[in-house]
Structure formats: C-alpha cells, structure tokens
All heavy atoms as atom14 arrays in JSON, in Angstrom:
{
  "sequence": "NKPFYQIMKELDSAKTVDKRPIIVSFSGGKSSALMCHLLETLPQYRD",
  "atom14_mask": [
    [1, 1, 1, 1, 1, 1, 1, 1, 0, 0, 0, 0, 0, 0],
    [1, 1, 1, 1, 1, 1, 1, 1, 1, 0, 0, 0, 0, 0],
    [1, 1, 1, 1, 1, 1, 1, 0, 0, 0, 0, 0, 0, 0],
    [1, 1, 1, 1, 1, 1, 1, 1, 1, 1, 1, 0, 0, 0],
    [1, 1, 1, 1, 1, 1, 1, 1, 1, 1, 1, 1, 0, 0],
    [1, 1, 1, 1, 1, 1, 1, 1, 1, 0, 0, 0, 0, 0],
    [1, 1, 1, 1, 1, 1, 1, 1, 0, 0, 0, 0, 0, 0],
    [1, 1, 1, 1, 1, 1, 1, 1, 0, 0, 0, 0, 0, 0],
    [1, 1, 1, 1, 1, 1, 1, 1, 1, 0, 0, 0, 0, 0],
    [1, 1, 1, 1, 1, 1, 1, 1, 1, 0, 0, 0, 0, 0],
    [1, 1, 1, 1, 1, 1, 1, 1, 0, 0, 0, 0, 0, 0],
    [1, 1, 1, 1, 1, 1, 1, 1, 0, 0, 0, 0, 0, 0],
    [1, 1, 1, 1, 1, 1, 0, 0, 0, 0, 0, 0, 0, 0],
    [1, 1, 1, 1, 1, 0, 0, 0, 0, 0, 0, 0, 0, 0],
    [1, 1, 1, 1, 1, 1, 1, 1, 1, 0, 0, 0, 0, 0],
    [1, 1, 1, 1, 1, 1, 1, 0, 0, 0, 0, 0, 0, 0],
    [1, 1, 1, 1, 1, 1, 1, 0, 0, 0, 0, 0, 0, 0],
    [1, 1, 1, 1, 1, 1, 1, 1, 0, 0, 0, 0, 0, 0],
    [1, 1, 1, 1, 1, 1, 1, 1, 1, 0, 0, 0, 0, 0],
    [1, 1, 1, 1, 1, 1, 1, 1, 1, 1, 1, 0, 0, 0],
    [1, 1, 1, 1, 1, 1, 1, 0, 0, 0, 0, 0, 0, 0],
    [1, 1, 1, 1, 1, 1, 1, 1, 0, 0, 0, 0, 0, 0],
    [1, 1, 1, 1, 1, 1, 1, 1, 0, 0, 0, 0, 0, 0],
    [1, 1, 1, 1, 1, 1, 1, 0, 0, 0, 0, 0, 0, 0],
    [1, 1, 1, 1, 1, 1, 0, 0, 0, 0, 0, 0, 0, 0],
    [1, 1, 1, 1, 1, 1, 1, 1, 1, 1, 1, 0, 0, 0],
    [1, 1, 1, 1, 1, 1, 0, 0, 0, 0, 0, 0, 0, 0],
    [1, 1, 1, 1, 0, 0, 0, 0, 0, 0, 0, 0, 0, 0],
    [1, 1, 1, 1, 0, 0, 0, 0, 0, 0, 0, 0, 0, 0],
    [1, 1, 1, 1, 1, 1, 1, 1, 1, 0, 0, 0, 0, 0],
    [1, 1, 1, 1, 1, 1, 0, 0, 0, 0, 0, 0, 0, 0],
    [1, 1, 1, 1, 1, 1, 0, 0, 0, 0, 0, 0, 0, 0],
    [1, 1, 1, 1, 1, 0, 0, 0, 0, 0, 0, 0, 0, 0],
    [1, 1, 1, 1, 1, 1, 1, 1, 0, 0, 0, 0, 0, 0],
    [1, 1, 1, 1, 1, 1, 1, 1, 0, 0, 0, 0, 0, 0],
    [1, 1, 1, 1, 1, 1, 0, 0, 0, 0, 0, 0, 0, 0],
    [1, 1, 1, 1, 1, 1, 1, 1, 1, 1, 0, 0, 0, 0],
    [1, 1, 1, 1, 1, 1, 1, 1, 0, 0, 0, 0, 0, 0],
    [1, 1, 1, 1, 1, 1, 1, 1, 0, 0, 0, 0, 0, 0],
    [1, 1, 1, 1, 1, 1, 1, 1, 1, 0, 0, 0, 0, 0],
    [1, 1, 1, 1, 1, 1, 1, 0, 0, 0, 0, 0, 0, 0],
    [1, 1, 1, 1, 1, 1, 1, 1, 0, 0, 0, 0, 0, 0],
    [1, 1, 1, 1, 1, 1, 1, 0, 0, 0, 0, 0, 0, 0],
    [1, 1, 1, 1, 1, 1, 1, 1, 1, 0, 0, 0, 0, 0],
    [1, 1, 1, 1, 1, 1, 1, 1, 1, 1, 1, 1, 0, 0],
    [1, 1, 1, 1, 1, 1, 1, 1, 1, 1, 1, 0, 0, 0],
    [1, 1, 1, 1, 1, 1, 1, 1, 0, 0, 0, 0, 0, 0]
  ],
  "atom14_positions": [
    [[0.8, -1.22, 0.0], [0.0, 0.0, 0.0], [0.84, 1.27, 0.0], [0.44, 2.3, 0.55], [-0.95, 0.01, 1.2], [-1.98, -1.1, 1.13], [-2.5, -1.37, 0.06], [-2.24, -1.76, 2.24], [0.0, 0.0, 0.0], [0.0, 0.0, 0.0], [0.0, 0.0, 0.0], [0.0, 0.0, 0.0], [0.0, 0.0, 0.0], [0.0, 0.0, 0.0]],
    [[1.98, 1.22, -0.61], [2.81, 2.41, -0.76], [2.67, 2.92, -2.18], [2.66, 2.12, -3.12], [4.29, 2.1, -0.49], [4.62, 1.84, 0.97], [6.13, 1.67, 1.13], [6.51, 1.44, 2.59], [7.97, 1.29, 2.74], [0.0, 0.0, 0.0], [0.0, 0.0, 0.0], [0.0, 0.0, 0.0], [0.0, 0.0, 0.0], [0.0, 0.0, 0.0]],
    [[2.55, 4.24, -2.36], [2.5, 4.77, -3.72], [3.75, 4.38, -4.5], [4.85, 4.28, -3.94], [2.43, 6.28, -3.5], [1.9, 6.43, -2.11], [2.44, 5.26, -1.34], [0.0, 0.0, 0.0], [0.0, 0.0, 0.0], [0.0, 0.0, 0.0], [0.0, 0.0, 0.0], [0.0, 0.0, 0.0], [0.0, 0.0, 0.0], [0.0, 0.0, 0.0]],
    [[3.56, 4.16, -5.79], [4.68, 3.74, -6.63], [5.83, 4.74, -6.59], [6.99, 4.37, -6.52], [4.18, 3.57, -8.07], [5.18, 2.95, -8.99], [5.6, 1.65, -8.78], [5.69, 3.65, -10.07], [6.51, 1.06, -9.63], [6.61, 3.07, -10.91], [7.01, 1.77, -10.7], [0.0, 0.0, 0.0], [0.0, 0.0, 0.0], [0.0, 0.0, 0.0]],
    [[5.52, 6.06, -6.62], [6.57, 7.07, -6.6], [7.37, 7.01, -5.3], [8.56, 7.32, -5.27], [5.99, 8.47, -6.8], [5.26, 9.02, -5.59], [5.95, 9.68, -4.58], [3.89, 8.88, -5.48], [5.28, 10.18, -3.47], [3.22, 9.37, -4.38], [3.91, 10.02, -3.38], [3.25, 10.5, -2.29], [0.0, 0.0, 0.0], [0.0, 0.0, 0.0]],
    [[6.72, 6.59, -4.2], [7.42, 6.52, -2.92], [8.45, 5.4, -2.93], [9.55, 5.54, -2.4], [6.42, 6.29, -1.78], [7.06, 6.34, -0.39], [6.04, 6.19, 0.71], [4.84, 6.36, 0.49], [6.5, 5.87, 1.9], [0.0, 0.0, 0.0], [0.0, 0.0, 0.0], [0.0, 0.0, 0.0], [0.0, 0.0, 0.0], [0.0, 0.0, 0.0]],
    [[8.08, 4.27, -3.54], [9.05, 3.18, -3.66], [10.24, 3.62, -4.48], [11.39, 3.35, -4.14], [8.39, 1.94, -4.31], [7.45, 1.28, -3.32], [9.44, 0.93, -4.75], [6.83, 0.02, -3.81], [0.0, 0.0, 0.0], [0.0, 0.0, 0.0], [0.0, 0.0, 0.0], [0.0, 0.0, 0.0], [0.0, 0.0, 0.0], [0.0, 0.0, 0.0]],
    [[9.98, 4.34, -5.56], [11.07, 4.86, -6.4], [11.99, 5.74, -5.58], [13.21, 5.66, -5.68], [10.49, 5.63, -7.58], [9.64, 4.82, -8.52], [10.61, 3.76, -9.59], [11.31, 5.01, -10.68], [0.0, 0.0, 0.0], [0.0, 0.0, 0.0], [0.0, 0.0, 0.0], [0.0, 0.0, 0.0], [0.0, 0.0, 0.0], [0.0, 0.0, 0.0]],
    [[11.41, 6.59, -4.75], [12.2, 7.52, -3.95], [13.03, 6.78, -2.91], [14.21, 7.08, -2.69], [11.27, 8.53, -3.26], [12.02, 9.6, -2.47], [11.02, 10.61, -1.89], [11.76, 11.69, -1.12], [10.8, 12.68, -0.54], [0.0, 0.0, 0.0], [0.0, 0.0, 0.0], [0.0, 0.0, 0.0], [0.0, 0.0, 0.0], [0.0, 0.0, 0.0]],
    [[12.43, 5.78, -2.27], [13.12, 5.02, -1.25], [14.29, 4.23, -1.82], [15.31, 4.02, -1.15], [12.15, 4.07, -0.55], [11.13, 4.78, 0.32], [10.11, 3.82, 0.88], [10.18, 2.61, 0.54], [9.24, 4.26, 1.65], [0.0, 0.0, 0.0], [0.0, 0.0, 0.0], [0.0, 0.0, 0.0], [0.0, 0.0, 0.0], [0.0, 0.0, 0.0]],
    [[14.13, 3.78, -3.05], [15.18, 2.98, -3.66], [16.22, 3.82, -4.38], [17.22, 3.3, -4.87], [14.56, 2.0, -4.67], [13.69, 0.9, -4.07], [13.0, 0.12, -5.17], [14.52, -0.04, -3.21], [0.0, 0.0, 0.0], [0.0, 0.0, 0.0], [0.0, 0.0, 0.0], [0.0, 0.0, 0.0], [0.0, 0.0, 0.0], [0.0, 0.0, 0.0]],
    [[16.02, 5.11, -4.44], [16.9, 5.98, -5.21], [18.34, 5.97, -4.72], [19.25, 6.25, -5.47], [16.37, 7.41, -5.21], [16.96, 8.23, -6.33], [16.97, 7.72, -7.46], [17.42, 9.36, -6.07], [0.0, 0.0, 0.0], [0.0, 0.0, 0.0], [0.0, 0.0, 0.0], [0.0, 0.0, 0.0], [0.0, 0.0, 0.0], [0.0, 0.0, 0.0]],
    [[18.51, 5.67, -3.46], [19.86, 5.65, -2.9], [20.47, 4.25, -2.9], [21.57, 4.04, -2.38], [19.85, 6.2, -1.47], [19.02, 5.39, -0.66], [0.0, 0.0, 0.0], [0.0, 0.0, 0.0], [0.0, 0.0, 0.0], [0.0, 0.0, 0.0], [0.0, 0.0, 0.0], [0.0, 0.0, 0.0], [0.0, 0.0, 0.0], [0.0, 0.0, 0.0]],
    [[19.74, 3.29, -3.44], [20.23, 1.92, -3.45], [21.49, 1.78, -4.29], [21.64, 2.41, -5.32], [19.15, 0.98, -3.99], [0.0, 0.0, 0.0], [0.0, 0.0, 0.0], [0.0, 0.0, 0.0], [0.0, 0.0, 0.0], [0.0, 0.0, 0.0], [0.0, 0.0, 0.0], [0.0, 0.0, 0.0], [0.0, 0.0, 0.0], [0.0, 0.0, 0.0]],
    [[22.41, 0.95, -3.83], [23.66, 0.74, -4.55], [23.59, -0.58, -5.31], [23.22, -1.62, -4.77], [24.83, 0.7, -3.57], [25.07, 2.04, -2.87], [26.27, 1.96, -1.95], [26.51, 3.31, -1.27], [27.66, 3.26, -0.35], [0.0, 0.0, 0.0], [0.0, 0.0, 0.0], [0.0, 0.0, 0.0], [0.0, 0.0, 0.0], [0.0, 0.0, 0.0]],
    [[23.96, -0.54, -6.55], [23.95, -1.74, -7.37], [25.21, -2.54, -7.11], [26.31, -2.03, -7.25], [23.87, -1.37, -8.86], [22.69, -0.62, -9.08], [23.86, -2.62, -9.72], [0.0, 0.0, 0.0], [0.0, 0.0, 0.0], [0.0, 0.0, 0.0], [0.0, 0.0, 0.0], [0.0, 0.0, 0.0], [0.0, 0.0, 0.0], [0.0, 0.0, 0.0]],
    [[25.04, -3.78, -6.7], [26.18, -4.64, -6.43], [26.53, -5.44, -7.68], [27.69, -5.53, -8.06], [25.87, -5.58, -5.25], [27.02, -6.56, -5.04], [25.6, -4.78, -3.99], [0.0, 0.0, 0.0], [0.0, 0.0, 0.0], [0.0, 0.0, 0.0], [0.0, 0.0, 0.0], [0.0, 0.0, 0.0], [0.0, 0.0, 0.0], [0.0, 0.0, 0.0]],
    [[25.52, -6.02, -8.3], [25.73, -6.85, -9.48], [25.73, -5.97, -10.72], [24.73, -5.33, -11.03], [24.62, -7.89, -9.57], [24.96, -9.03, -10.52], [25.77, -8.81, -11.44], [24.39, -10.12, -10.35], [0.0, 0.0, 0.0], [0.0, 0.0, 0.0], [0.0, 0.0, 0.0], [0.0, 0.0, 0.0], [0.0, 0.0, 0.0], [0.0, 0.0, 0.0]],
    [[26.85, -5.94, -11.44], [26.97, -5.08, -12.62], [26.77, -5.85, -13.93], [26.9, -5.27, -15.01], [28.36, -4.42, -12.64], [28.65, -3.52, -11.44], [27.85, -2.24, -11.51], [28.27, -1.27, -10.4], [27.52, 0.0, -10.46], [0.0, 0.0, 0.0], [0.0, 0.0, 0.0], [0.0, 0.0, 0.0], [0.0, 0.0, 0.0], [0.0, 0.0, 0.0]],
    [[26.49, -7.14, -13.84], [26.38, -7.93, -15.05], [25.19, -7.47, -15.92], [24.2, -6.96, -15.39], [26.19, -9.41, -14.7], [27.42, -10.08, -14.12], [27.15, -11.51, -13.74], [26.21, -11.6, -12.61], [25.69, -12.73, -12.16], [26.0, -13.89, -12.76], [24.85, -12.74, -11.13], [0.0, 0.0, 0.0], [0.0, 0.0, 0.0], [0.0, 0.0, 0.0]],
    [[25.29, -7.64, -17.25], [24.16, -7.29, -18.13], [22.91, -8.09, -17.75], [23.01, -9.21, -17.22], [24.66, -7.69, -19.52], [26.14, -7.73, -19.41], [26.45, -8.15, -18.01], [0.0, 0.0, 0.0], [0.0, 0.0, 0.0], [0.0, 0.0, 0.0], [0.0, 0.0, 0.0], [0.0, 0.0, 0.0], [0.0, 0.0, 0.0], [0.0, 0.0, 0.0]],
    [[21.76, -7.5, -18.03], [20.48, -8.14, -17.74], [19.83, -8.58, -19.05], [19.64, -7.76, -19.95], [19.54, -7.2, -16.99], [20.17, -6.74, -15.67], [18.2, -7.89, -16.72], [19.34, -5.69, -14.94], [0.0, 0.0, 0.0], [0.0, 0.0, 0.0], [0.0, 0.0, 0.0], [0.0, 0.0, 0.0], [0.0, 0.0, 0.0], [0.0, 0.0, 0.0]],
    [[19.52, -9.86, -19.16], [18.77, -10.37, -20.3], [17.3, -10.4, -19.89], [16.94, -11.04, -18.89], [19.21, -11.79, -20.7], [20.74, -11.85, -20.87], [18.49, -12.23, -21.97], [21.29, -10.93, -21.93], [0.0, 0.0, 0.0], [0.0, 0.0, 0.0], [0.0, 0.0, 0.0], [0.0, 0.0, 0.0], [0.0, 0.0, 0.0], [0.0, 0.0, 0.0]],
    [[16.46, -9.7, -20.64], [15.06, -9.57, -20.27], [14.22, -10.4, -21.23], [14.14, -10.1, -22.43], [14.61, -8.1, -20.31], [13.19, -7.98, -19.76], [15.57, -7.21, -19.53], [0.0, 0.0, 0.0], [0.0, 0.0, 0.0], [0.0, 0.0, 0.0], [0.0, 0.0, 0.0], [0.0, 0.0, 0.0], [0.0, 0.0, 0.0], [0.0, 0.0, 0.0]],
    [[13.6, -11.44, -20.71], [12.72, -12.28, -21.51], [11.34, -11.64, -21.53], [10.59, -11.69, -20.55], [12.65, -13.69, -20.91], [11.78, -14.51, -21.66], [0.0, 0.0, 0.0], [0.0, 0.0, 0.0], [0.0, 0.0, 0.0], [0.0, 0.0, 0.0], [0.0, 0.0, 0.0], [0.0, 0.0, 0.0], [0.0, 0.0, 0.0], [0.0, 0.0, 0.0]],
    [[11.01, -11.0, -22.65], [9.75, -10.26, -22.79], [8.69, -11.18, -23.36], [8.82, -11.66, -24.49], [9.97, -9.05, -23.7], [8.8, -8.11, -23.78], [8.67, -7.08, -22.89], [7.81, -8.28, -24.75], [7.58, -6.2, -22.95], [6.73, -7.42, -24.82], [6.61, -6.38, -23.92], [0.0, 0.0, 0.0], [0.0, 0.0, 0.0], [0.0, 0.0, 0.0]],
    [[7.63, -11.42, -22.58], [6.6, -12.38, -23.01], [5.6, -11.77, -23.98], [4.9, -12.49, -24.7], [5.85, -12.9, -21.78], [5.05, -11.88, -21.21], [0.0, 0.0, 0.0], [0.0, 0.0, 0.0], [0.0, 0.0, 0.0], [0.0, 0.0, 0.0], [0.0, 0.0, 0.0], [0.0, 0.0, 0.0], [0.0, 0.0, 0.0], [0.0, 0.0, 0.0]],
    [[5.48, -10.43, -23.97], [4.47, -9.79, -24.79], [3.23, -9.42, -24.01], [2.28, -8.89, -24.56], [0.0, 0.0, 0.0], [0.0, 0.0, 0.0], [0.0, 0.0, 0.0], [0.0, 0.0, 0.0], [0.0, 0.0, 0.0], [0.0, 0.0, 0.0], [0.0, 0.0, 0.0], [0.0, 0.0, 0.0], [0.0, 0.0, 0.0], [0.0, 0.0, 0.0]],
    [[3.25, -9.68, -22.68], [2.12, -9.33, -21.83], [2.38, -8.06, -21.04], [3.48, -7.5, -21.05], [0.0, 0.0, 0.0], [0.0, 0.0, 0.0], [0.0, 0.0, 0.0], [0.0, 0.0, 0.0], [0.0, 0.0, 0.0], [0.0, 0.0, 0.0], [0.0, 0.0, 0.0], [0.0, 0.0, 0.0], [0.0, 0.0, 0.0], [0.0, 0.0, 0.0]],
    [[1.36, -7.6, -20.3], [1.47, -6.33, -19.59], [2.38, -6.41, -18.38], [3.09, -5.45, -18.05], [0.08, -5.84, -19.19], [-0.75, -5.38, -20.38], [-2.08, -4.76, -19.97], [-2.81, -4.2, -21.19], [-4.1, -3.57, -20.82], [0.0, 0.0, 0.0], [0.0, 0.0, 0.0], [0.0, 0.0, 0.0], [0.0, 0.0, 0.0], [0.0, 0.0, 0.0]],
    [[2.38, -7.53, -17.68], [3.29, -7.68, -16.54], [4.74, -7.59, -17.01], [5.58, -6.91, -16.4], [3.05, -9.0, -15.82], [1.8, -9.02, -15.18], [0.0, 0.0, 0.0], [0.0, 0.0, 0.0], [0.0, 0.0, 0.0], [0.0, 0.0, 0.0], [0.0, 0.0, 0.0], [0.0, 0.0, 0.0], [0.0, 0.0, 0.0], [0.0, 0.0, 0.0]],
    [[5.02, -8.27, -18.09], [6.36, -8.25, -18.66], [6.73, -6.84, -19.11], [7.87, -6.39, -18.94], [6.43, -9.23, -19.84], [7.75, -9.35, -20.32], [0.0, 0.0, 0.0], [0.0, 0.0, 0.0], [0.0, 0.0, 0.0], [0.0, 0.0, 0.0], [0.0, 0.0, 0.0], [0.0, 0.0, 0.0], [0.0, 0.0, 0.0], [0.0, 0.0, 0.0]],
    [[5.77, -6.14, -19.68], [6.02, -4.78, -20.15], [6.34, -3.84, -18.98], [7.26, -3.02, -19.05], [4.82, -4.26, -20.92], [0.0, 0.0, 0.0], [0.0, 0.0, 0.0], [0.0, 0.0, 0.0], [0.0, 0.0, 0.0], [0.0, 0.0, 0.0], [0.0, 0.0, 0.0], [0.0, 0.0, 0.0], [0.0, 0.0, 0.0], [0.0, 0.0, 0.0]],
    [[5.58, -3.97, -17.89], [5.85, -3.14, -16.72], [7.23, -3.45, -16.15], [7.94, -2.55, -15.7], [4.77, -3.35, -15.66], [4.96, -2.58, -14.35], [5.16, -1.09, -14.6], [3.78, -2.82, -13.41], [0.0, 0.0, 0.0], [0.0, 0.0, 0.0], [0.0, 0.0, 0.0], [0.0, 0.0, 0.0], [0.0, 0.0, 0.0], [0.0, 0.0, 0.0]],
    [[7.62, -4.71, -16.17], [8.96, -5.07, -15.71], [10.03, -4.33, -16.51], [11.0, -3.81, -15.95], [9.19, -6.58, -15.82], [10.6, -7.01, -15.45], [10.88, -8.79, -15.63], [10.79, -8.97, -17.42], [0.0, 0.0, 0.0], [0.0, 0.0, 0.0], [0.0, 0.0, 0.0], [0.0, 0.0, 0.0], [0.0, 0.0, 0.0], [0.0, 0.0, 0.0]],
    [[9.84, -4.25, -17.82], [10.8, -3.52, -18.66], [10.89, -2.06, -18.24], [11.98, -1.48, -18.18], [10.39, -3.61, -20.13], [10.42, -5.28, -20.81], [0.0, 0.0, 0.0], [0.0, 0.0, 0.0], [0.0, 0.0, 0.0], [0.0, 0.0, 0.0], [0.0, 0.0, 0.0], [0.0, 0.0, 0.0], [0.0, 0.0, 0.0], [0.0, 0.0, 0.0]],
    [[9.73, -1.47, -17.94], [9.71, -0.07, -17.5], [10.47, 0.1, -16.19], [11.24, 1.05, -16.02], [8.26, 0.38, -17.34], [8.11, 1.77, -16.8], [8.46, 2.89, -17.53], [7.65, 2.23, -15.6], [8.23, 3.98, -16.8], [7.74, 3.6, -15.64], [0.0, 0.0, 0.0], [0.0, 0.0, 0.0], [0.0, 0.0, 0.0], [0.0, 0.0, 0.0]],
    [[10.27, -0.83, -15.26], [10.98, -0.75, -13.97], [12.48, -0.89, -14.16], [13.27, -0.22, -13.48], [10.46, -1.84, -13.03], [9.01, -1.72, -12.56], [8.66, -2.88, -11.64], [8.77, -0.4, -11.86], [0.0, 0.0, 0.0], [0.0, 0.0, 0.0], [0.0, 0.0, 0.0], [0.0, 0.0, 0.0], [0.0, 0.0, 0.0], [0.0, 0.0, 0.0]],
    [[12.88, -1.75, -15.06], [14.31, -1.94, -15.3], [14.97, -0.68, -15.85], [16.16, -0.45, -15.66], [14.53, -3.11, -16.27], [14.25, -4.5, -15.69], [14.26, -5.55, -16.8], [15.26, -4.86, -14.62], [0.0, 0.0, 0.0], [0.0, 0.0, 0.0], [0.0, 0.0, 0.0], [0.0, 0.0, 0.0], [0.0, 0.0, 0.0], [0.0, 0.0, 0.0]],
    [[14.19, 0.14, -16.53], [14.73, 1.38, -17.08], [14.63, 2.56, -16.1], [15.24, 3.6, -16.35], [13.99, 1.75, -18.38], [14.22, 0.79, -19.52], [15.67, 0.75, -19.99], [16.36, 1.79, -19.86], [16.11, -0.3, -20.47], [0.0, 0.0, 0.0], [0.0, 0.0, 0.0], [0.0, 0.0, 0.0], [0.0, 0.0, 0.0], [0.0, 0.0, 0.0]],
    [[13.9, 2.39, -15.02], [13.67, 3.52, -14.12], [14.15, 3.3, -12.69], [14.58, 4.26, -12.04], [12.17, 3.88, -14.07], [11.41, 2.71, -13.76], [11.71, 4.43, -15.41], [0.0, 0.0, 0.0], [0.0, 0.0, 0.0], [0.0, 0.0, 0.0], [0.0, 0.0, 0.0], [0.0, 0.0, 0.0], [0.0, 0.0, 0.0], [0.0, 0.0, 0.0]],
    [[14.08, 2.09, -12.16], [14.53, 1.86, -10.8], [16.05, 2.01, -10.71], [16.78, 1.54, -11.58], [14.12, 0.46, -10.33], [12.64, 0.24, -10.06], [12.38, -1.2, -9.64], [12.12, 1.2, -9.0], [0.0, 0.0, 0.0], [0.0, 0.0, 0.0], [0.0, 0.0, 0.0], [0.0, 0.0, 0.0], [0.0, 0.0, 0.0], [0.0, 0.0, 0.0]],
    [[16.55, 2.67, -9.66], [17.98, 2.99, -9.57], [18.91, 1.78, -9.56], [20.03, 1.87, -10.06], [18.08, 3.79, -8.26], [16.85, 3.45, -7.49], [15.78, 3.21, -8.52], [0.0, 0.0, 0.0], [0.0, 0.0, 0.0], [0.0, 0.0, 0.0], [0.0, 0.0, 0.0], [0.0, 0.0, 0.0], [0.0, 0.0, 0.0], [0.0, 0.0, 0.0]],
    [[18.45, 0.65, -9.01], [19.33, -0.51, -8.95], [19.48, -1.21, -10.3], [20.32, -2.09, -10.44], [18.86, -1.51, -7.89], [17.51, -2.18, -8.19], [16.37, -1.45, -7.54], [16.27, -0.23, -7.65], [15.49, -2.19, -6.87], [0.0, 0.0, 0.0], [0.0, 0.0, 0.0], [0.0, 0.0, 0.0], [0.0, 0.0, 0.0], [0.0, 0.0, 0.0]],
    [[18.68, -0.81, -11.28], [18.75, -1.44, -12.6], [19.06, -0.47, -13.74], [19.61, -0.87, -14.76], [17.41, -2.12, -12.93], [16.94, -3.14, -11.94], [15.69, -3.03, -11.33], [17.73, -4.25, -11.61], [15.24, -3.97, -10.42], [17.29, -5.19, -10.7], [16.04, -5.05, -10.1], [15.61, -5.98, -9.21], [0.0, 0.0, 0.0], [0.0, 0.0, 0.0]],
    [[18.67, 0.78, -13.63], [18.59, 1.67, -14.79], [19.93, 1.91, -15.48], [19.97, 2.2, -16.68], [17.96, 3.0, -14.4], [18.74, 3.82, -13.39], [17.92, 5.01, -12.93], [18.62, 5.76, -11.89], [18.01, 6.52, -10.99], [16.69, 6.64, -11.02], [18.71, 7.16, -10.08], [0.0, 0.0, 0.0], [0.0, 0.0, 0.0], [0.0, 0.0, 0.0]],
    [[21.06, 1.82, -14.76], [22.35, 2.08, -15.38], [23.03, 0.82, -15.9], [24.14, 0.9, -16.45], [23.27, 2.79, -14.37], [22.77, 4.18, -14.01], [22.16, 4.82, -14.88], [22.99, 4.61, -12.86], [0.0, 0.0, 0.0], [0.0, 0.0, 0.0], [0.0, 0.0, 0.0], [0.0, 0.0, 0.0], [0.0, 0.0, 0.0], [0.0, 0.0, 0.0]]
  ]
}
C-alpha cells in the first residue's frame, strides 16, 4: 500500500552490487512490459 513514486524515492539511494548485463525475456504481456519499464527507471537497474 505504498505509492509507486514513494518506492522509487526510497530505492533511489540503493547501490547496485551486481553489474552484469540483464537479459530480459519479454513475453508480450502487460506484466512483462511493466517489468521492462521498472528496469529502465529503478535505480538498482537503470544504469
């Protein structure tokens, strides 16, 4: 029950430990699509 923007803010200071490339298996569904969006926006994944 936390707003999505609040989770983004809380994770903004997170440090990425694993630097390996991410292979994203896109199924073509909406859950998979949202995952892609999170990977591009959440601080632990976006770079």
